[in-house]
Amino acid sequence: MASVIYRISRLGGFRNGVISSGLTGLKTSGTISAPCRNAVSTTNGAILPKPKKTSFGLIRITMVVIPFLYVGTLISKNFAALLEEHDIFVPEDDDDDD
């Protein structure tokens, strides 16, 4: 069902001129659209400036990763406590030191 809807919307995009052969600035691969740049010069020969580069430094990565790791550990700790409280998954204390 979803593939039929996708094909119909894709055909509608071709008819309306929204999706053209690489002139929109978007490279479409399935349902993921990523910006791309096919031209390096203008029609009259001028070289275009370098595209803007987004840098992800170590500080930015750390500022994103650490809070999500902390939230993930809190969720897993609370879920483990919930499982143990309802006796769904409780490790057995077997002392088989024979």
PDB file of N, CA and C in Angstrom:
ATOM      1  N   MET A   1       0.820  -1.192   0.000  1.00  0.00           N
ATOM      2  CA  MET A   1       0.000   0.000   0.000  1.00  0.00           C
ATOM      3  C   MET A   1       0.862   1.254   0.000  1.00  0.00           C
ATOM      4  N   ALA A   2       1.906   1.246   0.840  1.00  0.00           N
ATOM      5  CA  ALA A   2       2.769   2.417   0.925  1.00  0.00           C
ATOM      6  C   ALA A   2       3.545   2.616  -0.369  1.00  0.00           C
ATOM      7  N   SER A   3       3.949   1.511  -1.010  1.00  0.00           N
ATOM      8  CA  SER A   3       4.695   1.653  -2.256  1.00  0.00           C
ATOM      9  C   SER A   3       3.821   2.216  -3.366  1.00  0.00           C
ATOM     10  N   VAL A   4       2.530   1.892  -3.366  1.00  0.00           N
ATOM     11  CA  VAL A   4       1.615   2.436  -4.370  1.00  0.00           C
ATOM     12  C   VAL A   4       1.469   3.934  -4.178  1.00  0.00           C
ATOM     13  N   ILE A   5       1.307   4.361  -2.932  1.00  0.00           N
ATOM     14  CA  ILE A   5       1.184   5.787  -2.639  1.00  0.00           C
ATOM     15  C   ILE A   5       2.461   6.515  -3.018  1.00  0.00           C
ATOM     16  N   TYR A   6       3.611   5.902  -2.749  1.00  0.00           N
ATOM     17  CA  TYR A   6       4.885   6.519  -3.096  1.00  0.00           C
ATOM     18  C   TYR A   6       5.005   6.690  -4.608  1.00  0.00           C
ATOM     19  N   ARG A   7       4.632   5.650  -5.375  1.00  0.00           N
ATOM     20  CA  ARG A   7       4.725   5.741  -6.832  1.00  0.00           C
ATOM     21  C   ARG A   7       3.807   6.813  -7.390  1.00  0.00           C
ATOM     22  N   ILE A   8       2.609   6.919  -6.841  1.00  0.00           N
ATOM     23  CA  ILE A   8       1.665   7.929  -7.321  1.00  0.00           C
ATOM     24  C   ILE A   8       2.184   9.327  -7.012  1.00  0.00           C
ATOM     25  N   SER A   9       2.687   9.541  -5.812  1.00  0.00           N
ATOM     26  CA  SER A   9       3.221  10.858  -5.467  1.00  0.00           C
ATOM     27  C   SER A   9       4.459  11.183  -6.289  1.00  0.00           C
ATOM     28  N   ARG A  10       5.256  10.171  -6.598  1.00  0.00           N
ATOM     29  CA  ARG A  10       6.457  10.374  -7.407  1.00  0.00           C
ATOM     30  C   ARG A  10       6.077  10.769  -8.836  1.00  0.00           C
ATOM     31  N   LEU A  11       5.047  10.111  -9.396  1.00  0.00           N
ATOM     32  CA  LEU A  11       4.587  10.468 -10.735  1.00  0.00           C
ATOM     33  C   LEU A  11       4.011  11.880 -10.759  1.00  0.00           C
ATOM     34  N   GLY A  12       3.310  12.250  -9.716  1.00  0.00           N
ATOM     35  CA  GLY A  12       2.782  13.603  -9.629  1.00  0.00           C
ATOM     36  C   GLY A  12       3.891  14.630  -9.572  1.00  0.00           C
ATOM     37  N   GLY A  13       4.995  14.293  -8.914  1.00  0.00           N
ATOM     38  CA  GLY A  13       6.138  15.195  -8.858  1.00  0.00           C
ATOM     39  C   GLY A  13       6.788  15.369 -10.208  1.00  0.00           C
ATOM     40  N   PHE A  14       6.862  14.307 -11.006  1.00  0.00           N
ATOM     41  CA  PHE A  14       7.425  14.403 -12.345  1.00  0.00           C
ATOM     42  C   PHE A  14       6.549  15.277 -13.242  1.00  0.00           C
ATOM     43  N   ARG A  15       5.248  15.137 -13.116  1.00  0.00           N
ATOM     44  CA  ARG A  15       4.337  15.919 -13.961  1.00  0.00           C
ATOM     45  C   ARG A  15       4.386  17.398 -13.609  1.00  0.00           C
ATOM     46  N   ASN A  16       4.517  17.717 -12.336  1.00  0.00           N
ATOM     47  CA  ASN A  16       4.528  19.113 -11.915  1.00  0.00           C
ATOM     48  C   ASN A  16       5.889  19.773 -12.093  1.00  0.00           C
ATOM     49  N   GLY A  17       6.898  19.009 -12.438  1.00  0.00           N
ATOM     50  CA  GLY A  17       8.225  19.585 -12.633  1.00  0.00           C
ATOM     51  C   GLY A  17       8.987  19.756 -11.336  1.00  0.00           C
ATOM     52  N   VAL A  18       8.482  19.195 -10.245  1.00  0.00           N
ATOM     53  CA  VAL A  18       9.167  19.325  -8.966  1.00  0.00           C
ATOM     54  C   VAL A  18      10.436  18.497  -8.964  1.00  0.00           C
ATOM     55  N   ILE A  19      10.346  17.283  -9.461  1.00  0.00           N
ATOM     56  CA  ILE A  19      11.495  16.397  -9.499  1.00  0.00           C
ATOM     57  C   ILE A  19      12.014  16.379 -10.928  1.00  0.00           C
ATOM     58  N   SER A  20      13.164  16.968 -11.137  1.00  0.00           N
ATOM     59  CA  SER A  20      13.739  16.978 -12.470  1.00  0.00           C
ATOM     60  C   SER A  20      15.072  16.253 -12.444  1.00  0.00           C
ATOM     61  N   SER A  21      15.759  16.231 -13.531  1.00  0.00           N
ATOM     62  CA  SER A  21      16.975  15.425 -13.645  1.00  0.00           C
ATOM     63  C   SER A  21      18.176  16.128 -13.028  1.00  0.00           C
ATOM     64  N   GLY A  22      18.231  16.194 -11.718  1.00  0.00           N
ATOM     65  CA  GLY A  22      19.398  16.735 -11.029  1.00  0.00           C
ATOM     66  C   GLY A  22      19.443  18.240 -10.957  1.00  0.00           C
ATOM     67  N   LEU A  23      18.424  18.954 -11.384  1.00  0.00           N
ATOM     68  CA  LEU A  23      18.454  20.401 -11.372  1.00  0.00           C
ATOM     69  C   LEU A  23      17.835  20.998 -10.120  1.00  0.00           C
ATOM     70  N   THR A  24      17.293  20.181  -9.262  1.00  0.00           N
ATOM     71  CA  THR A  24      16.616  20.691  -8.075  1.00  0.00           C
ATOM     72  C   THR A  24      17.569  20.912  -6.916  1.00  0.00           C
ATOM     73  N   GLY A  25      18.781  20.371  -6.979  1.00  0.00           N
ATOM     74  CA  GLY A  25      19.706  20.492  -5.872  1.00  0.00           C
ATOM     75  C   GLY A  25      19.523  19.410  -4.841  1.00  0.00           C
ATOM     76  N   LEU A  26      18.657  18.447  -5.134  1.00  0.00           N
ATOM     77  CA  LEU A  26      18.441  17.343  -4.217  1.00  0.00           C
ATOM     78  C   LEU A  26      18.705  16.044  -4.949  1.00  0.00           C
ATOM     79  N   LYS A  27      19.471  15.195  -4.323  1.00  0.00           N
ATOM     80  CA  LYS A  27      19.714  13.865  -4.871  1.00  0.00           C
ATOM     81  C   LYS A  27      18.760  12.925  -4.171  1.00  0.00           C
ATOM     82  N   THR A  28      17.839  12.334  -4.926  1.00  0.00           N
ATOM     83  CA  THR A  28      16.839  11.471  -4.320  1.00  0.00           C
ATOM     84  C   THR A  28      17.261  10.027  -4.452  1.00  0.00           C
ATOM     85  N   SER A  29      17.229   9.324  -3.345  1.00  0.00           N
ATOM     86  CA  SER A  29      17.538   7.907  -3.322  1.00  0.00           C
ATOM     87  C   SER A  29      16.478   7.242  -2.472  1.00  0.00           C
ATOM     88  N   GLY A  30      15.460   6.677  -3.097  1.00  0.00           N
ATOM     89  CA  GLY A  30      14.358   6.106  -2.327  1.00  0.00           C
ATOM     90  C   GLY A  30      13.530   7.219  -1.725  1.00  0.00           C
ATOM     91  N   THR A  31      13.460   7.261  -0.409  1.00  0.00           N
ATOM     92  CA  THR A  31      12.704   8.315   0.247  1.00  0.00           C
ATOM     93  C   THR A  31      13.611   9.316   0.939  1.00  0.00           C
ATOM     94  N   ILE A  32      14.917   9.145   0.823  1.00  0.00           N
ATOM     95  CA  ILE A  32      15.858  10.041   1.491  1.00  0.00           C
ATOM     96  C   ILE A  32      16.345  11.074   0.488  1.00  0.00           C
ATOM     97  N   SER A  33      16.248  12.348   0.843  1.00  0.00           N
ATOM     98  CA  SER A  33      16.732  13.413  -0.015  1.00  0.00           C
ATOM     99  C   SER A  33      17.938  14.049   0.640  1.00  0.00           C
ATOM    100  N   ALA A  34      19.008  14.184  -0.118  1.00  0.00           N
ATOM    101  CA  ALA A  34      20.217  14.802   0.392  1.00  0.00           C
ATOM    102  C   ALA A  34      20.645  15.897  -0.568  1.00  0.00           C
ATOM    103  N   PRO A  35      21.085  17.043  -0.046  1.00  0.00           N
ATOM    104  CA  PRO A  35      21.522  18.106  -0.948  1.00  0.00           C
ATOM    105  C   PRO A  35      22.787  17.693  -1.691  1.00  0.00           C
ATOM    106  N   CYS A  36      22.841  18.058  -2.954  1.00  0.00           N
ATOM    107  CA  CYS A  36      24.032  17.779  -3.743  1.00  0.00           C
ATOM    108  C   CYS A  36      24.310  18.974  -4.636  1.00  0.00           C
ATOM    109  N   ARG A  37      25.493  19.037  -5.150  1.00  0.00           N
ATOM    110  CA  ARG A  37      25.882  20.128  -6.011  1.00  0.00           C
ATOM    111  C   ARG A  37      26.558  19.535  -7.228  1.00  0.00           C
ATOM    112  N   ASN A  38      25.908  19.628  -8.368  1.00  0.00           N
ATOM    113  CA  ASN A  38      26.433  19.038  -9.580  1.00  0.00           C
ATOM    114  C   ASN A  38      27.313  20.008 -10.358  1.00  0.00           C
ATOM    115  N   ALA A  39      27.077  21.305 -10.236  1.00  0.00           N
ATOM    116  CA  ALA A  39      27.797  22.285 -11.035  1.00  0.00           C
ATOM    117  C   ALA A  39      28.930  22.912 -10.246  1.00  0.00           C
ATOM    118  N   VAL A  40      30.047  23.149 -10.920  1.00  0.00           N
ATOM    119  CA  VAL A  40      31.158  23.854 -10.300  1.00  0.00           C
ATOM    120  C   VAL A  40      31.403  25.192 -10.976  1.00  0.00           C
ATOM    121  N   SER A  41      30.685  25.455 -12.054  1.00  0.00           N
ATOM    122  CA  SER A  41      30.810  26.742 -12.735  1.00  0.00           C
ATOM    123  C   SER A  41      29.444  27.187 -13.238  1.00  0.00           C
ATOM    124  N   THR A  42      29.321  28.488 -13.475  1.00  0.00           N
ATOM    125  CA  THR A  42      28.070  29.031 -13.992  1.00  0.00           C
ATOM    126  C   THR A  42      28.018  28.858 -15.497  1.00  0.00           C
ATOM    127  N   THR A  43      26.919  29.280 -16.102  1.00  0.00           N
ATOM    128  CA  THR A  43      26.768  29.122 -17.549  1.00  0.00           C
ATOM    129  C   THR A  43      27.741  29.999 -18.328  1.00  0.00           C
ATOM    130  N   ASN A  44      28.167  31.128 -17.746  1.00  0.00           N
ATOM    131  CA  ASN A  44      29.107  31.986 -18.462  1.00  0.00           C
ATOM    132  C   ASN A  44      30.559  31.728 -18.058  1.00  0.00           C
ATOM    133  N   GLY A  45      30.845  30.621 -17.316  1.00  0.00           N
ATOM    134  CA  GLY A  45      32.218  30.192 -17.066  1.00  0.00           C
ATOM    135  C   GLY A  45      32.799  30.566 -15.719  1.00  0.00           C
ATOM    136  N   ALA A  46      32.096  31.309 -14.903  1.00  0.00           N
ATOM    137  CA  ALA A  46      32.628  31.699 -13.599  1.00  0.00           C
ATOM    138  C   ALA A  46      32.606  30.502 -12.656  1.00  0.00           C
ATOM    139  N   ILE A  47      33.661  30.361 -11.860  1.00  0.00           N
ATOM    140  CA  ILE A  47      33.741  29.263 -10.899  1.00  0.00           C
ATOM    141  C   ILE A  47      32.954  29.640  -9.653  1.00  0.00           C
ATOM    142  N   LEU A  48      32.099  28.725  -9.227  1.00  0.00           N
ATOM    143  CA  LEU A  48      31.296  28.959  -8.027  1.00  0.00           C
ATOM    144  C   LEU A  48      32.158  28.852  -6.779  1.00  0.00           C
ATOM    145  N   PRO A  49      31.816  29.587  -5.703  1.00  0.00           N
ATOM    146  CA  PRO A  49      32.587  29.477  -4.459  1.00  0.00           C
ATOM    147  C   PRO A  49      32.406  28.104  -3.821  1.00  0.00           C
ATOM    148  N   LYS A  50      33.326  27.754  -2.926  1.00  0.00           N
ATOM    149  CA  LYS A  50      33.237  26.468  -2.240  1.00  0.00           C
ATOM    150  C   LYS A  50      31.963  26.416  -1.410  1.00  0.00           C
ATOM    151  N   PRO A  51      31.346  25.253  -1.338  1.00  0.00           N
ATOM    152  CA  PRO A  51      30.135  25.142  -0.510  1.00  0.00           C
ATOM    153  C   PRO A  51      30.471  25.275   0.970  1.00  0.00           C
ATOM    154  N   LYS A  52      29.487  25.703   1.735  1.00  0.00           N
ATOM    155  CA  LYS A  52      29.664  25.873   3.170  1.00  0.00           C
ATOM    156  C   LYS A  52      29.860  24.524   3.829  1.00  0.00           C
ATOM    157  N   LYS A  53      30.874  24.377   4.659  1.00  0.00           N
ATOM    158  CA  LYS A  53      31.165  23.115   5.334  1.00  0.00           C
ATOM    159  C   LYS A  53      30.718  23.216   6.788  1.00  0.00           C
ATOM    160  N   THR A  54      29.948  22.256   7.212  1.00  0.00           N
ATOM    161  CA  THR A  54      29.508  22.197   8.597  1.00  0.00           C
ATOM    162  C   THR A  54      30.480  21.317   9.361  1.00  0.00           C
ATOM    163  N   SER A  55      31.166  21.913  10.311  1.00  0.00           N
ATOM    164  CA  SER A  55      32.131  21.132  11.079  1.00  0.00           C
ATOM    165  C   SER A  55      31.494  20.659  12.376  1.00  0.00           C
ATOM    166  N   PHE A  56      31.730  19.413  12.683  1.00  0.00           N
ATOM    167  CA  PHE A  56      31.246  18.845  13.939  1.00  0.00           C
ATOM    168  C   PHE A  56      32.472  18.544  14.787  1.00  0.00           C
ATOM    169  N   GLY A  57      32.776  19.437  15.695  1.00  0.00           N
ATOM    170  CA  GLY A  57      33.928  19.253  16.553  1.00  0.00           C
ATOM    171  C   GLY A  57      33.657  18.280  17.667  1.00  0.00           C
ATOM    172  N   LEU A  58      34.694  17.966  18.368  1.00  0.00           N
ATOM    173  CA  LEU A  58      34.600  17.019  19.476  1.00  0.00           C
ATOM    174  C   LEU A  58      33.679  17.536  20.572  1.00  0.00           C
ATOM    175  N   ILE A  59      33.667  18.834  20.773  1.00  0.00           N
ATOM    176  CA  ILE A  59      32.813  19.415  21.819  1.00  0.00           C
ATOM    177  C   ILE A  59      31.338  19.248  21.458  1.00  0.00           C
ATOM    178  N   ARG A  60      30.981  19.486  20.196  1.00  0.00           N
ATOM    179  CA  ARG A  60      29.590  19.335  19.781  1.00  0.00           C
ATOM    180  C   ARG A  60      29.145  17.882  19.885  1.00  0.00           C
ATOM    181  N   ILE A  61      29.996  16.980  19.478  1.00  0.00           N
ATOM    182  CA  ILE A  61      29.652  15.560  19.559  1.00  0.00           C
ATOM    183  C   ILE A  61      29.462  15.158  21.011  1.00  0.00           C
ATOM    184  N   THR A  62      30.341  15.623  21.881  1.00  0.00           N
ATOM    185  CA  THR A  62      30.249  15.304  23.308  1.00  0.00           C
ATOM    186  C   THR A  62      28.961  15.870  23.907  1.00  0.00           C
ATOM    187  N   MET A  63      28.595  17.086  23.493  1.00  0.00           N
ATOM    188  CA  MET A  63      27.386  17.708  24.030  1.00  0.00           C
ATOM    189  C   MET A  63      26.122  16.972  23.615  1.00  0.00           C
ATOM    190  N   VAL A  64      26.170  16.213  22.539  1.00  0.00           N
ATOM    191  CA  VAL A  64      25.010  15.448  22.101  1.00  0.00           C
ATOM    192  C   VAL A  64      25.039  14.036  22.678  1.00  0.00           C
ATOM    193  N   VAL A  65      26.192  13.390  22.669  1.00  0.00           N
ATOM    194  CA  VAL A  65      26.284  11.977  23.046  1.00  0.00           C
ATOM    195  C   VAL A  65      26.074  11.771  24.537  1.00  0.00           C
ATOM    196  N   ILE A  66      26.695  12.571  25.373  1.00  0.00           N
ATOM    197  CA  ILE A  66      26.645  12.348  26.824  1.00  0.00           C
ATOM    198  C   ILE A  66      25.223  12.447  27.390  1.00  0.00           C
ATOM    199  N   PRO A  67      24.420  13.463  27.046  1.00  0.00           N
ATOM    200  CA  PRO A  67      23.045  13.476  27.592  1.00  0.00           C
ATOM    201  C   PRO A  67      22.217  12.271  27.154  1.00  0.00           C
ATOM    202  N   PHE A  68      22.369  11.831  25.896  1.00  0.00           N
ATOM    203  CA  PHE A  68      21.585  10.688  25.442  1.00  0.00           C
ATOM    204  C   PHE A  68      22.058   9.393  26.094  1.00  0.00           C
ATOM    205  N   LEU A  69      23.353   9.266  26.341  1.00  0.00           N
ATOM    206  CA  LEU A  69      23.830   8.096  27.079  1.00  0.00           C
ATOM    207  C   LEU A  69      23.284   8.090  28.492  1.00  0.00           C
ATOM    208  N   TYR A  70      23.247   9.251  29.129  1.00  0.00           N
ATOM    209  CA  TYR A  70      22.733   9.353  30.494  1.00  0.00           C
ATOM    210  C   TYR A  70      21.249   8.994  30.548  1.00  0.00           C
ATOM    211  N   VAL A  71      20.472   9.542  29.612  1.00  0.00           N
ATOM    212  CA  VAL A  71      19.042   9.240  29.571  1.00  0.00           C
ATOM    213  C   VAL A  71      18.826   7.750  29.286  1.00  0.00           C
ATOM    214  N   GLY A  72      19.623   7.166  28.398  1.00  0.00           N
ATOM    215  CA  GLY A  72      19.505   5.745  28.093  1.00  0.00           C
ATOM    216  C   GLY A  72      19.807   4.874  29.297  1.00  0.00           C
ATOM    217  N   THR A  73      20.819   5.249  30.079  1.00  0.00           N
ATOM    218  CA  THR A  73      21.131   4.460  31.275  1.00  0.00           C
ATOM    219  C   THR A  73      20.024   4.587  32.318  1.00  0.00           C
ATOM    220  N   LEU A  74      19.441   5.773  32.450  1.00  0.00           N
ATOM    221  CA  LEU A  74      18.328   5.935  33.399  1.00  0.00           C
ATOM    222  C   LEU A  74      17.133   5.079  32.994  1.00  0.00           C
ATOM    223  N   ILE A  75      16.823   5.078  31.709  1.00  0.00           N
ATOM    224  CA  ILE A  75      15.679   4.288  31.234  1.00  0.00           C
ATOM    225  C   ILE A  75      15.936   2.803  31.466  1.00  0.00           C
ATOM    226  N   SER A  76      17.136   2.322  31.119  1.00  0.00           N
ATOM    227  CA  SER A  76      17.422   0.895  31.282  1.00  0.00           C
ATOM    228  C   SER A  76      17.461   0.497  32.754  1.00  0.00           C
ATOM    229  N   LYS A  77      17.970   1.376  33.608  1.00  0.00           N
ATOM    230  CA  LYS A  77      18.005   1.076  35.042  1.00  0.00           C
ATOM    231  C   LYS A  77      16.595   0.979  35.619  1.00  0.00           C
ATOM    232  N   ASN A  78      15.737   1.921  35.235  1.00  0.00           N
ATOM    233  CA  ASN A  78      14.356   1.888  35.732  1.00  0.00           C
ATOM    234  C   ASN A  78      13.585   0.691  35.184  1.00  0.00           C
ATOM    235  N   PHE A  79      13.837   0.324  33.932  1.00  0.00           N
ATOM    236  CA  PHE A  79      13.150  -0.828  33.357  1.00  0.00           C
ATOM    237  C   PHE A  79      13.630  -2.122  33.998  1.00  0.00           C
ATOM    238  N   ALA A  80      14.915  -2.221  34.309  1.00  0.00           N
ATOM    239  CA  ALA A  80      15.423  -3.419  34.991  1.00  0.00           C
ATOM    240  C   ALA A  80      14.816  -3.532  36.390  1.00  0.00           C
ATOM    241  N   ALA A  81      14.661  -2.400  37.082  1.00  0.00           N
ATOM    242  CA  ALA A  81      14.035  -2.422  38.401  1.00  0.00           C
ATOM    243  C   ALA A  81      12.565  -2.834  38.297  1.00  0.00           C
ATOM    244  N   LEU A  82      11.880  -2.388  37.252  1.00  0.00           N
ATOM    245  CA  LEU A  82      10.490  -2.758  37.041  1.00  0.00           C
ATOM    246  C   LEU A  82      10.360  -4.255  36.773  1.00  0.00           C
ATOM    247  N   LEU A  83      11.249  -4.810  35.946  1.00  0.00           N
ATOM    248  CA  LEU A  83      11.217  -6.242  35.672  1.00  0.00           C
ATOM    249  C   LEU A  83      11.481  -7.060  36.929  1.00  0.00           C
ATOM    250  N   GLU A  84      12.425  -6.606  37.742  1.00  0.00           N
ATOM    251  CA  GLU A  84      12.736  -7.338  38.965  1.00  0.00           C
ATOM    252  C   GLU A  84      11.599  -7.229  39.975  1.00  0.00           C
ATOM    253  N   GLU A  85      10.935  -6.085  40.007  1.00  0.00           N
ATOM    254  CA  GLU A  85       9.819  -5.890  40.938  1.00  0.00           C
ATOM    255  C   GLU A  85       8.652  -6.814  40.612  1.00  0.00           C
ATOM    256  N   HIS A  86       8.397  -7.046  39.344  1.00  0.00           N
ATOM    257  CA  HIS A  86       7.282  -7.901  38.934  1.00  0.00           C
ATOM    258  C   HIS A  86       7.715  -9.348  38.712  1.00  0.00           C
ATOM    259  N   ASP A  87       8.894  -9.683  39.112  1.00  0.00           N
ATOM    260  CA  ASP A  87       9.458 -11.027  38.997  1.00  0.00           C
ATOM    261  C   ASP A  87       9.384 -11.578  37.571  1.00  0.00           C
ATOM    262  N   ILE A  88       9.586 -10.721  36.610  1.00  0.00           N
ATOM    263  CA  ILE A  88       9.604 -11.153  35.211  1.00  0.00           C
ATOM    264  C   ILE A  88      10.980 -11.703  34.864  1.00  0.00           C
ATOM    265  N   PHE A  89      12.001 -10.989  35.247  1.00  0.00           N
ATOM    266  CA  PHE A  89      13.357 -11.463  35.002  1.00  0.00           C
ATOM    267  C   PHE A  89      14.160 -11.206  36.268  1.00  0.00           C
ATOM    268  N   VAL A  90      14.366 -12.254  37.026  1.00  0.00           N
ATOM    269  CA  VAL A  90      15.137 -12.163  38.262  1.00  0.00           C
ATOM    270  C   VAL A  90      16.240 -13.206  38.190  1.00  0.00           C
ATOM    271  N   PRO A  91      17.485 -12.803  38.311  1.00  0.00           N
ATOM    272  CA  PRO A  91      18.549 -13.792  38.280  1.00  0.00           C
ATOM    273  C   PRO A  91      18.442 -14.730  39.485  1.00  0.00           C
ATOM    274  N   GLU A  92      18.676 -16.006  39.230  1.00  0.00           N
ATOM    275  CA  GLU A  92      18.595 -16.977  40.312  1.00  0.00           C
ATOM    276  C   GLU A  92      19.926 -17.011  41.055  1.00  0.00           C
ATOM    277  N   ASP A  93      19.828 -17.148  42.366  1.00  0.00           N
ATOM    278  CA  ASP A  93      21.018 -17.233  43.193  1.00  0.00           C
ATOM    279  C   ASP A  93      21.311 -18.695  43.484  1.00  0.00           C
ATOM    280  N   ASP A  94      21.978 -19.346  42.572  1.00  0.00           N
ATOM    281  CA  ASP A  94      22.365 -20.735  42.760  1.00  0.00           C
ATOM    282  C   ASP A  94      23.800 -20.801  43.254  1.00  0.00           C
ATOM    283  N   ASP A  95      23.973 -21.445  44.371  1.00  0.00           N
ATOM    284  CA  ASP A  95      25.308 -21.629  44.904  1.00  0.00           C
ATOM    285  C   ASP A  95      25.740 -23.082  44.663  1.00  0.00           C
ATOM    286  N   ASP A  96      26.245 -23.345  43.514  1.00  0.00           N
ATOM    287  CA  ASP A  96      26.691 -24.682  43.150  1.00  0.00           C
ATOM    288  C   ASP A  96      28.210 -24.735  43.174  1.00  0.00           C
ATOM    289  N   ASP A  97      28.755 -24.596  44.342  1.00  0.00           N
ATOM    290  CA  ASP A  97      30.220 -24.630  44.496  1.00  0.00           C
ATOM    291  C   ASP A  97      30.671 -26.030  44.885  1.00  0.00           C
ATOM    292  N   ASP A  98      30.252 -27.027  44.177  1.00  0.00           N
ATOM    293  CA  ASP A  98      30.601 -28.411  44.525  1.00  0.00           C
ATOM    294  C   ASP A  98      32.020 -28.720  44.140  1.00  0.00           C
TER     295      ASP A  98
END
